Amino acid sequence: MDGMVYKENYRGKEESSDEREIETLKMEKKQSEVMEQLVKQASASPNANALTSILVQATSHPNVFSFSQFLALPNLLQLEATENSTYLDMLRLFAHGTWSDYKSNADCFPQLIPDQILKLKQLTVLTLAETYKVLPYNQLMQELDMTNVRELEDFLISECMYSGIVRGKLDHLRQCFQVQFAACRDLRHAQLGSMIQTLSNWLSTSENLLVSIQEKIKWADAMSEIEKKHRKDVEEKVQEVKSLIKANINFGGNEDICSESLSVMDYEDFGRLKRRRKILF
């Protein structure tokens, strides 16, 4: 019962993007510190037996999920064509392989200890999560050799999500794991061509988008200049009309003054004429 409540609480827990980013950075920092220490030890190993011991330690460490730095060590060549060459194959398995790969070729590798088995199953989930956004429970149980949903969900929560290698939601109703984030595994050399092509396509798309944006900016600037010119023309016409109206008003006022003056003069002249007529009679 407690396990079911635990899982339900985890499903309902929502983290902010800042919290997730902080947790991811912490995990990467911890992994980097452990990797640096183990790589130094491996590069300074005095003999093949010491080197294989460090490789077992690295492939079983709870904070190490990347192995490309170990594969790049020059002293790994001393394991080639020796009785310890299976440890080099083991390292390649943890860098690129899955639990199914190990089961299919178990005789080609050293016998794995429990921590290594756990790590390889974590890496198997990581490989699937990189490829698919929705992972059906039946597929996961088959890949991980698990027999029931509760075992699978406990593994996804405690060993995968809490370790920070994947994030997602457990959908018990639809019997699937919805992937929201998956850390990257080590690249195979064969994957480099595909990655370069993907990046080239992205670069080409970005360049085309940039050209389109620049054209739209030029169009917007041209429309802005047209709008400015139109506004200036309108303002000039408004000022012209205002000037005409003002001139007409001034001209009309002078006519009224002249008319009033003429009326006064006519009235005075008419009065004088009447007085002259009276004197004559």
C-alpha atoms as a PDB file:
ATOM      1  CA  MET A   1       0.000   0.000   0.000  1.00  0.00           C
ATOM      2  CA  ASP A   2       2.800   2.394   0.898  1.00  0.00           C
ATOM      3  CA  GLY A   3       4.444   1.681  -2.451  1.00  0.00           C
ATOM      4  CA  MET A   4       1.280   2.571  -4.342  1.00  0.00           C
ATOM      5  CA  VAL A   5       0.912   5.856  -2.430  1.00  0.00           C
ATOM      6  CA  TYR A   6       4.567   6.597  -3.098  1.00  0.00           C
ATOM      7  CA  LYS A   7       4.122   6.099  -6.836  1.00  0.00           C
ATOM      8  CA  GLU A   8       0.937   8.133  -6.974  1.00  0.00           C
ATOM      9  CA  ASN A   9       2.629  10.998  -5.122  1.00  0.00           C
ATOM     10  CA  TYR A  10       5.505  10.860  -7.574  1.00  0.00           C
ATOM     11  CA  ARG A  11       3.151  10.967 -10.549  1.00  0.00           C
ATOM     12  CA  GLY A  12       1.443  14.042  -9.151  1.00  0.00           C
ATOM     13  CA  LYS A  13       4.652  15.888  -8.336  1.00  0.00           C
ATOM     14  CA  GLU A  14       5.374  18.709 -10.758  1.00  0.00           C
ATOM     15  CA  GLU A  15       8.742  20.427 -10.778  1.00  0.00           C
ATOM     16  CA  SER A  16       9.401  23.820 -12.227  1.00  0.00           C
ATOM     17  CA  SER A  17      11.817  24.138 -15.135  1.00  0.00           C
ATOM     18  CA  ASP A  18      14.294  25.934 -12.839  1.00  0.00           C
ATOM     19  CA  GLU A  19      14.237  23.088 -10.320  1.00  0.00           C
ATOM     20  CA  ARG A  20      14.769  20.522 -13.070  1.00  0.00           C
ATOM     21  CA  GLU A  21      17.649  22.550 -14.478  1.00  0.00           C
ATOM     22  CA  ILE A  22      19.294  22.767 -11.054  1.00  0.00           C
ATOM     23  CA  GLU A  23      18.955  19.013 -10.516  1.00  0.00           C
ATOM     24  CA  THR A  24      20.386  18.307 -13.963  1.00  0.00           C
ATOM     25  CA  LEU A  25      23.370  20.568 -13.312  1.00  0.00           C
ATOM     26  CA  LYS A  26      23.998  18.889  -9.957  1.00  0.00           C
ATOM     27  CA  MET A  27      23.918  15.457 -11.572  1.00  0.00           C
ATOM     28  CA  GLU A  28      26.272  16.522 -14.360  1.00  0.00           C
ATOM     29  CA  LYS A  29      28.692  18.084 -11.880  1.00  0.00           C
ATOM     30  CA  LYS A  30      28.726  14.969  -9.705  1.00  0.00           C
ATOM     31  CA  GLN A  31      29.185  12.727 -12.737  1.00  0.00           C
ATOM     32  CA  SER A  32      32.006  14.919 -14.038  1.00  0.00           C
ATOM     33  CA  GLU A  33      33.856  14.790 -10.715  1.00  0.00           C
ATOM     34  CA  VAL A  34      33.580  11.008 -10.478  1.00  0.00           C
ATOM     35  CA  MET A  35      34.552  10.567 -14.133  1.00  0.00           C
ATOM     36  CA  GLU A  36      37.622  12.755 -13.747  1.00  0.00           C
ATOM     37  CA  GLN A  37      38.802  10.769 -10.746  1.00  0.00           C
ATOM     38  CA  LEU A  38      38.252   7.368 -12.375  1.00  0.00           C
ATOM     39  CA  VAL A  39      39.823   8.395 -15.682  1.00  0.00           C
ATOM     40  CA  LYS A  40      42.942   9.575 -13.843  1.00  0.00           C
ATOM     41  CA  GLN A  41      43.156   6.273 -12.012  1.00  0.00           C
ATOM     42  CA  ALA A  42      42.668   4.308 -15.226  1.00  0.00           C
ATOM     43  CA  SER A  43      45.267   6.300 -17.148  1.00  0.00           C
ATOM     44  CA  ALA A  44      47.791   5.745 -14.340  1.00  0.00           C
ATOM     45  CA  SER A  45      47.085   2.018 -13.944  1.00  0.00           C
ATOM     46  CA  PRO A  46      50.389   0.133 -13.683  1.00  0.00           C
ATOM     47  CA  ASN A  47      49.102  -3.086 -15.270  1.00  0.00           C
ATOM     48  CA  ALA A  48      46.167  -4.740 -16.994  1.00  0.00           C
ATOM     49  CA  ASN A  49      44.695  -6.213 -13.814  1.00  0.00           C
ATOM     50  CA  ALA A  50      44.535  -2.806 -12.135  1.00  0.00           C
ATOM     51  CA  LEU A  51      42.980  -1.324 -15.262  1.00  0.00           C
ATOM     52  CA  THR A  52      40.255  -3.978 -15.476  1.00  0.00           C
ATOM     53  CA  SER A  53      39.435  -3.392 -11.810  1.00  0.00           C
ATOM     54  CA  ILE A  54      38.888   0.309 -12.484  1.00  0.00           C
ATOM     55  CA  LEU A  55      36.735  -0.501 -15.527  1.00  0.00           C
ATOM     56  CA  VAL A  56      34.492  -2.674 -13.352  1.00  0.00           C
ATOM     57  CA  GLN A  57      34.311   0.139 -10.813  1.00  0.00           C
ATOM     58  CA  ALA A  58      33.390   2.671 -13.516  1.00  0.00           C
ATOM     59  CA  THR A  59      30.698   0.500 -15.102  1.00  0.00           C
ATOM     60  CA  SER A  60      29.064  -0.116 -11.733  1.00  0.00           C
ATOM     61  CA  HIS A  61      29.316   3.389 -10.254  1.00  0.00           C
ATOM     62  CA  PRO A  62      25.852   4.942  -9.654  1.00  0.00           C
ATOM     63  CA  ASN A  63      26.877   8.348 -11.006  1.00  0.00           C
ATOM     64  CA  VAL A  64      28.639   7.311 -14.221  1.00  0.00           C
ATOM     65  CA  PHE A  65      26.589   6.914 -17.414  1.00  0.00           C
ATOM     66  CA  SER A  66      29.144   7.963 -20.039  1.00  0.00           C
ATOM     67  CA  PHE A  67      32.233   5.959 -20.980  1.00  0.00           C
ATOM     68  CA  SER A  68      33.730   7.690 -24.019  1.00  0.00           C
ATOM     69  CA  GLN A  69      36.573   9.155 -21.939  1.00  0.00           C
ATOM     70  CA  PHE A  70      37.626   5.670 -20.873  1.00  0.00           C
ATOM     71  CA  LEU A  71      37.481   4.409 -24.456  1.00  0.00           C
ATOM     72  CA  ALA A  72      39.826   7.235 -25.465  1.00  0.00           C
ATOM     73  CA  LEU A  73      42.573   6.184 -23.028  1.00  0.00           C
ATOM     74  CA  PRO A  74      45.736   5.030 -24.872  1.00  0.00           C
ATOM     75  CA  ASN A  75      46.583   2.379 -22.275  1.00  0.00           C
ATOM     76  CA  LEU A  76      43.388   0.468 -23.091  1.00  0.00           C
ATOM     77  CA  LEU A  77      45.295  -0.955 -26.034  1.00  0.00           C
ATOM     78  CA  GLN A  78      47.205  -3.190 -23.613  1.00  0.00           C
ATOM     79  CA  LEU A  79      43.988  -5.182 -23.157  1.00  0.00           C
ATOM     80  CA  GLU A  80      43.692  -6.040 -26.850  1.00  0.00           C
ATOM     81  CA  ALA A  81      44.410  -9.658 -27.795  1.00  0.00           C
ATOM     82  CA  THR A  82      44.889 -10.707 -24.170  1.00  0.00           C
ATOM     83  CA  GLU A  83      42.835 -12.689 -21.694  1.00  0.00           C
ATOM     84  CA  ASN A  84      41.523  -9.349 -20.454  1.00  0.00           C
ATOM     85  CA  SER A  85      40.206  -8.233 -23.845  1.00  0.00           C
ATOM     86  CA  THR A  86      36.683  -9.140 -22.706  1.00  0.00           C
ATOM     87  CA  TYR A  87      36.843  -6.167 -20.327  1.00  0.00           C
ATOM     88  CA  LEU A  88      37.391  -3.870 -23.275  1.00  0.00           C
ATOM     89  CA  ASP A  89      34.337  -5.425 -24.935  1.00  0.00           C
ATOM     90  CA  MET A  90      32.483  -4.918 -21.662  1.00  0.00           C
ATOM     91  CA  LEU A  91      33.368  -1.218 -21.684  1.00  0.00           C
ATOM     92  CA  ARG A  92      32.076  -0.879 -25.255  1.00  0.00           C
ATOM     93  CA  LEU A  93      28.883  -2.662 -24.194  1.00  0.00           C
ATOM     94  CA  PHE A  94      28.268  -0.093 -21.458  1.00  0.00           C
ATOM     95  CA  ALA A  95      29.071   2.741 -23.842  1.00  0.00           C
ATOM     96  CA  HIS A  96      26.684   1.684 -26.608  1.00  0.00           C
ATOM     97  CA  GLY A  97      24.856  -1.557 -25.784  1.00  0.00           C
ATOM     98  CA  THR A  98      21.788  -2.747 -23.889  1.00  0.00           C
ATOM     99  CA  TRP A  99      20.756  -5.546 -21.564  1.00  0.00           C
ATOM    100  CA  SER A 100      19.490  -7.531 -24.564  1.00  0.00           C
ATOM    101  CA  ASP A 101      22.898  -7.210 -26.228  1.00  0.00           C
ATOM    102  CA  TYR A 102      24.533  -8.673 -23.133  1.00  0.00           C
ATOM    103  CA  LYS A 103      22.087 -11.587 -22.905  1.00  0.00           C
ATOM    104  CA  SER A 104      22.618 -12.427 -26.560  1.00  0.00           C
ATOM    105  CA  ASN A 105      26.420 -12.523 -26.172  1.00  0.00           C
ATOM    106  CA  ALA A 106      26.984 -13.225 -22.486  1.00  0.00           C
ATOM    107  CA  ASP A 107      29.905 -15.569 -23.222  1.00  0.00           C
ATOM    108  CA  CYS A 108      31.817 -12.680 -24.824  1.00  0.00           C
ATOM    109  CA  PHE A 109      31.874 -10.602 -21.634  1.00  0.00           C
ATOM    110  CA  PRO A 110      33.024 -11.012 -18.052  1.00  0.00           C
ATOM    111  CA  GLN A 111      30.269 -12.049 -15.662  1.00  0.00           C
ATOM    112  CA  LEU A 112      28.533  -8.892 -14.481  1.00  0.00           C
ATOM    113  CA  ILE A 113      28.081  -8.066 -10.814  1.00  0.00           C
ATOM    114  CA  PRO A 114      24.636  -6.877  -9.568  1.00  0.00           C
ATOM    115  CA  ASP A 115      25.554  -3.177  -9.734  1.00  0.00           C
ATOM    116  CA  GLN A 116      26.664  -3.596 -13.344  1.00  0.00           C
ATOM    117  CA  ILE A 117      23.416  -5.371 -14.221  1.00  0.00           C
ATOM    118  CA  LEU A 118      21.477  -2.482 -12.678  1.00  0.00           C
ATOM    119  CA  LYS A 119      23.579   0.043 -14.605  1.00  0.00           C
ATOM    120  CA  LEU A 120      23.117  -1.773 -17.913  1.00  0.00           C
ATOM    121  CA  LYS A 121      19.350  -1.876 -17.406  1.00  0.00           C
ATOM    122  CA  GLN A 122      19.361   1.869 -16.660  1.00  0.00           C
ATOM    123  CA  LEU A 123      21.287   2.445 -19.877  1.00  0.00           C
ATOM    124  CA  THR A 124      18.768   0.275 -21.735  1.00  0.00           C
ATOM    125  CA  VAL A 125      15.930   2.544 -20.580  1.00  0.00           C
ATOM    126  CA  LEU A 126      18.030   5.536 -21.606  1.00  0.00           C
ATOM    127  CA  THR A 127      18.530   4.110 -25.111  1.00  0.00           C
ATOM    128  CA  LEU A 128      14.794   3.529 -25.541  1.00  0.00           C
ATOM    129  CA  ALA A 129      13.944   6.974 -24.132  1.00  0.00           C
ATOM    130  CA  GLU A 130      16.301   8.612 -26.647  1.00  0.00           C
ATOM    131  CA  THR A 131      14.455   6.906 -29.497  1.00  0.00           C
ATOM    132  CA  TYR A 132      10.799   6.947 -28.423  1.00  0.00           C
ATOM    133  CA  LYS A 133       8.674   9.462 -26.525  1.00  0.00           C
ATOM    134  CA  VAL A 134       6.170   6.849 -25.348  1.00  0.00           C
ATOM    135  CA  LEU A 135       7.449   3.523 -23.983  1.00  0.00           C
ATOM    136  CA  PRO A 136       4.839   0.774 -23.520  1.00  0.00           C
ATOM    137  CA  TYR A 137       5.194  -1.174 -20.288  1.00  0.00           C
ATOM    138  CA  ASN A 138       5.188  -4.527 -22.090  1.00  0.00           C
ATOM    139  CA  GLN A 139       8.148  -3.426 -24.234  1.00  0.00           C
ATOM    140  CA  LEU A 140      10.080  -2.219 -21.184  1.00  0.00           C
ATOM    141  CA  MET A 141       9.382  -5.399 -19.213  1.00  0.00           C
ATOM    142  CA  GLN A 142      10.589  -7.497 -22.130  1.00  0.00           C
ATOM    143  CA  GLU A 143      13.788  -5.455 -22.573  1.00  0.00           C
ATOM    144  CA  LEU A 144      14.543  -5.451 -18.833  1.00  0.00           C
ATOM    145  CA  ASP A 145      13.495  -9.026 -17.981  1.00  0.00           C
ATOM    146  CA  MET A 146      10.804  -7.899 -15.560  1.00  0.00           C
ATOM    147  CA  THR A 147       7.609  -9.802 -14.883  1.00  0.00           C
ATOM    148  CA  ASN A 148       5.149  -7.276 -13.444  1.00  0.00           C
ATOM    149  CA  VAL A 149       4.175  -3.619 -13.680  1.00  0.00           C
ATOM    150  CA  ARG A 150       4.908  -2.760 -10.065  1.00  0.00           C
ATOM    151  CA  GLU A 151       8.510  -3.928 -10.391  1.00  0.00           C
ATOM    152  CA  LEU A 152       8.873  -1.893 -13.576  1.00  0.00           C
ATOM    153  CA  GLU A 153       7.364   1.301 -12.139  1.00  0.00           C
ATOM    154  CA  ASP A 154       9.510   1.047  -9.010  1.00  0.00           C
ATOM    155  CA  PHE A 155      12.583   0.664 -11.224  1.00  0.00           C
ATOM    156  CA  LEU A 156      11.653   3.636 -13.431  1.00  0.00           C
ATOM    157  CA  ILE A 157      11.081   5.860 -10.410  1.00  0.00           C
ATOM    158  CA  SER A 158      13.869   4.896  -8.029  1.00  0.00           C
ATOM    159  CA  GLU A 159      16.616   3.914 -10.481  1.00  0.00           C
ATOM    160  CA  CYS A 160      15.949   6.068 -13.541  1.00  0.00           C
ATOM    161  CA  MET A 161      14.057   9.246 -12.660  1.00  0.00           C
ATOM    162  CA  TYR A 162      15.644   9.769  -9.240  1.00  0.00           C
ATOM    163  CA  SER A 163      19.087   9.302 -10.773  1.00  0.00           C
ATOM    164  CA  GLY A 164      18.281  12.089 -13.265  1.00  0.00           C
ATOM    165  CA  ILE A 165      18.926  10.173 -16.487  1.00  0.00           C
ATOM    166  CA  VAL A 166      15.278  10.421 -17.605  1.00  0.00           C
ATOM    167  CA  ARG A 167      12.190  12.424 -16.716  1.00  0.00           C
ATOM    168  CA  GLY A 168       8.623  11.568 -17.570  1.00  0.00           C
ATOM    169  CA  LYS A 169       5.202  10.460 -16.392  1.00  0.00           C
ATOM    170  CA  LEU A 170       3.991   6.999 -15.469  1.00  0.00           C
ATOM    171  CA  ASP A 171       0.642   6.348 -17.123  1.00  0.00           C
ATOM    172  CA  HIS A 172      -0.750   3.373 -15.220  1.00  0.00           C
ATOM    173  CA  LEU A 173      -4.047   3.522 -17.105  1.00  0.00           C
ATOM    174  CA  ARG A 174      -2.465   3.334 -20.565  1.00  0.00           C
ATOM    175  CA  GLN A 175       0.384   1.161 -19.315  1.00  0.00           C
ATOM    176  CA  CYS A 176       3.174   3.332 -20.676  1.00  0.00           C
ATOM    177  CA  PHE A 177       5.970   5.709 -19.682  1.00  0.00           C
ATOM    178  CA  GLN A 178       5.757   9.153 -21.309  1.00  0.00           C
ATOM    179  CA  VAL A 179       9.286  10.483 -21.806  1.00  0.00           C
ATOM    180  CA  GLN A 180       9.895  14.200 -21.222  1.00  0.00           C
ATOM    181  CA  PHE A 181      13.698  14.179 -21.052  1.00  0.00           C
ATOM    182  CA  ALA A 182      16.499  11.687 -21.646  1.00  0.00           C
ATOM    183  CA  ALA A 183      20.222  12.191 -21.145  1.00  0.00           C
ATOM    184  CA  CYS A 184      22.492  11.355 -24.078  1.00  0.00           C
ATOM    185  CA  ARG A 185      24.481   8.157 -24.328  1.00  0.00           C
ATOM    186  CA  ASP A 186      27.930   7.888 -25.891  1.00  0.00           C
ATOM    187  CA  LEU A 187      27.952   8.249 -29.666  1.00  0.00           C
ATOM    188  CA  ARG A 188      29.041   5.452 -31.952  1.00  0.00           C
ATOM    189  CA  HIS A 189      31.369   6.401 -34.804  1.00  0.00           C
ATOM    190  CA  ALA A 190      28.671   5.236 -37.226  1.00  0.00           C
ATOM    191  CA  GLN A 191      26.298   7.821 -35.746  1.00  0.00           C
ATOM    192  CA  LEU A 192      28.583  10.760 -36.500  1.00  0.00           C
ATOM    193  CA  GLY A 193      27.608  10.930 -40.179  1.00  0.00           C
ATOM    194  CA  SER A 194      23.922  11.025 -39.310  1.00  0.00           C
ATOM    195  CA  MET A 195      24.512  13.673 -36.662  1.00  0.00           C
ATOM    196  CA  ILE A 196      26.565  15.820 -39.055  1.00  0.00           C
ATOM    197  CA  GLN A 197      23.783  15.551 -41.646  1.00  0.00           C
ATOM    198  CA  THR A 198      21.170  16.507 -39.061  1.00  0.00           C
ATOM    199  CA  LEU A 199      23.216  19.524 -37.979  1.00  0.00           C
ATOM    200  CA  SER A 200      23.786  20.521 -41.619  1.00  0.00           C
ATOM    201  CA  ASN A 201      20.044  20.365 -42.277  1.00  0.00           C
ATOM    202  CA  TRP A 202      19.406  22.429 -39.170  1.00  0.00           C
ATOM    203  CA  LEU A 203      22.001  24.994 -40.279  1.00  0.00           C
ATOM    204  CA  SER A 204      20.449  25.224 -43.752  1.00  0.00           C
ATOM    205  CA  THR A 205      16.978  25.663 -42.281  1.00  0.00           C
ATOM    206  CA  SER A 206      18.279  28.346 -39.911  1.00  0.00           C
ATOM    207  CA  GLU A 207      19.956  30.228 -42.771  1.00  0.00           C
ATOM    208  CA  ASN A 208      16.754  30.138 -44.852  1.00  0.00           C
ATOM    209  CA  LEU A 209      14.781  31.340 -41.868  1.00  0.00           C
ATOM    210  CA  LEU A 210      17.265  34.167 -41.321  1.00  0.00           C
ATOM    211  CA  VAL A 211      16.922  35.274 -44.969  1.00  0.00           C
ATOM    212  CA  SER A 212      13.135  35.228 -44.637  1.00  0.00           C
ATOM    213  CA  ILE A 213      13.289  37.293 -41.448  1.00  0.00           C
ATOM    214  CA  GLN A 214      15.641  39.830 -43.059  1.00  0.00           C
ATOM    215  CA  GLU A 215      13.286  40.190 -46.047  1.00  0.00           C
ATOM    216  CA  LYS A 216      10.365  40.794 -43.723  1.00  0.00           C
ATOM    217  CA  ILE A 217      12.392  43.404 -41.839  1.00  0.00           C
ATOM    218  CA  LYS A 218      13.187  45.183 -45.123  1.00  0.00           C
ATOM    219  CA  TRP A 219       9.516  45.079 -46.114  1.00  0.00           C
ATOM    220  CA  ALA A 220       8.514  46.460 -42.718  1.00  0.00           C
ATOM    221  CA  ASP A 221      11.093  49.261 -43.039  1.00  0.00           C
ATOM    222  CA  ALA A 222       9.803  50.127 -46.532  1.00  0.00           C
ATOM    223  CA  MET A 223       6.209  50.197 -45.301  1.00  0.00           C
ATOM    224  CA  SER A 224       7.303  52.389 -42.419  1.00  0.00           C
ATOM    225  CA  GLU A 225       8.890  54.893 -44.825  1.00  0.00           C
ATOM    226  CA  ILE A 226       5.734  54.921 -46.965  1.00  0.00           C
ATOM    227  CA  GLU A 227       3.644  55.507 -43.866  1.00  0.00           C
ATOM    228  CA  LYS A 228       5.908  58.352 -42.763  1.00  0.00           C
ATOM    229  CA  LYS A 229       5.691  59.996 -46.203  1.00  0.00           C
ATOM    230  CA  HIS A 230       1.911  59.620 -46.269  1.00  0.00           C
ATOM    231  CA  ARG A 231       1.617  61.116 -42.805  1.00  0.00           C
ATOM    232  CA  LYS A 232       3.836  64.032 -43.811  1.00  0.00           C
ATOM    233  CA  ASP A 233       1.722  64.683 -46.939  1.00  0.00           C
ATOM    234  CA  VAL A 234      -1.464  64.634 -44.881  1.00  0.00           C
ATOM    235  CA  GLU A 235      -0.006  67.040 -42.314  1.00  0.00           C
ATOM    236  CA  GLU A 236       1.101  69.415 -45.084  1.00  0.00           C
ATOM    237  CA  LYS A 237      -2.365  69.368 -46.648  1.00  0.00           C
ATOM    238  CA  VAL A 238      -3.956  70.000 -43.266  1.00  0.00           C
ATOM    239  CA  GLN A 239      -1.695  73.001 -42.739  1.00  0.00           C
ATOM    240  CA  GLU A 240      -2.523  74.258 -46.233  1.00  0.00           C
ATOM    241  CA  VAL A 241      -6.256  74.019 -45.562  1.00  0.00           C
ATOM    242  CA  LYS A 242      -5.831  75.770 -42.213  1.00  0.00           C
ATOM    243  CA  SER A 243      -3.958  78.610 -43.918  1.00  0.00           C
ATOM    244  CA  LEU A 244      -6.695  79.007 -46.552  1.00  0.00           C
ATOM    245  CA  ILE A 245      -9.408  79.063 -43.905  1.00  0.00           C
ATOM    246  CA  LYS A 246      -7.520  81.672 -41.913  1.00  0.00           C
ATOM    247  CA  ALA A 247      -7.004  83.823 -45.003  1.00  0.00           C
ATOM    248  CA  ASN A 248     -10.708  83.639 -45.885  1.00  0.00           C
ATOM    249  CA  ILE A 249     -11.685  84.600 -42.371  1.00  0.00           C
ATOM    250  CA  ASN A 250      -9.399  87.644 -42.449  1.00  0.00           C
ATOM    251  CA  PHE A 251     -10.688  88.697 -45.877  1.00  0.00           C
ATOM    252  CA  GLY A 252     -14.328  88.387 -44.793  1.00  0.00           C
ATOM    253  CA  GLY A 253     -13.721  90.553 -41.711  1.00  0.00           C
ATOM    254  CA  ASN A 254     -12.310  93.454 -43.799  1.00  0.00           C
ATOM    255  CA  GLU A 255     -15.389  93.423 -46.061  1.00  0.00           C
ATOM    256  CA  ASP A 256     -17.672  93.877 -43.054  1.00  0.00           C
ATOM    257  CA  ILE A 257     -15.688  96.879 -41.817  1.00  0.00           C
ATOM    258  CA  CYS A 258     -15.887  98.529 -45.230  1.00  0.00           C
ATOM    259  CA  SER A 259     -19.648  97.979 -45.456  1.00  0.00           C
ATOM    260  CA  GLU A 260     -20.206  99.516 -42.029  1.00  0.00           C
ATOM    261  CA  SER A 261     -18.161 102.608 -42.965  1.00  0.00           C
ATOM    262  CA  LEU A 262     -20.139 103.096 -46.168  1.00  0.00           C
ATOM    263  CA  SER A 263     -23.426 102.832 -44.299  1.00  0.00           C
ATOM    264  CA  VAL A 264     -22.420 105.511 -41.803  1.00  0.00           C
ATOM    265  CA  MET A 265     -21.312 107.839 -44.573  1.00  0.00           C
ATOM    266  CA  ASP A 266     -24.575 107.412 -46.503  1.00  0.00           C
ATOM    267  CA  TYR A 267     -26.614 108.209 -43.425  1.00  0.00           C
ATOM    268  CA  GLU A 268     -24.655 111.395 -42.668  1.00  0.00           C
ATOM    269  CA  ASP A 269     -24.856 112.583 -46.300  1.00  0.00           C
ATOM    270  CA  PHE A 270     -28.618 112.021 -46.366  1.00  0.00           C
ATOM    271  CA  GLY A 271     -29.027 114.150 -43.196  1.00  0.00           C
ATOM    272  CA  ARG A 272     -27.119 117.070 -44.697  1.00  0.00           C
ATOM    273  CA  LEU A 273     -29.205 116.982 -47.860  1.00  0.00           C
ATOM    274  CA  LYS A 274     -32.455 117.212 -45.909  1.00  0.00           C
ATOM    275  CA  ARG A 275     -31.248 120.266 -43.948  1.00  0.00           C
ATOM    276  CA  ARG A 276     -30.276 122.068 -47.146  1.00  0.00           C
ATOM    277  CA  ARG A 277     -33.721 121.545 -48.574  1.00  0.00           C
ATOM    278  CA  LYS A 278     -35.361 123.127 -45.498  1.00  0.00           C
ATOM    279  CA  ILE A 279     -33.274 126.292 -45.836  1.00  0.00           C
ATOM    280  CA  LEU A 280     -34.278 126.711 -49.458  1.00  0.00           C
ATOM    281  CA  PHE A 281     -38.008 126.725 -48.581  1.00  0.00           C
END
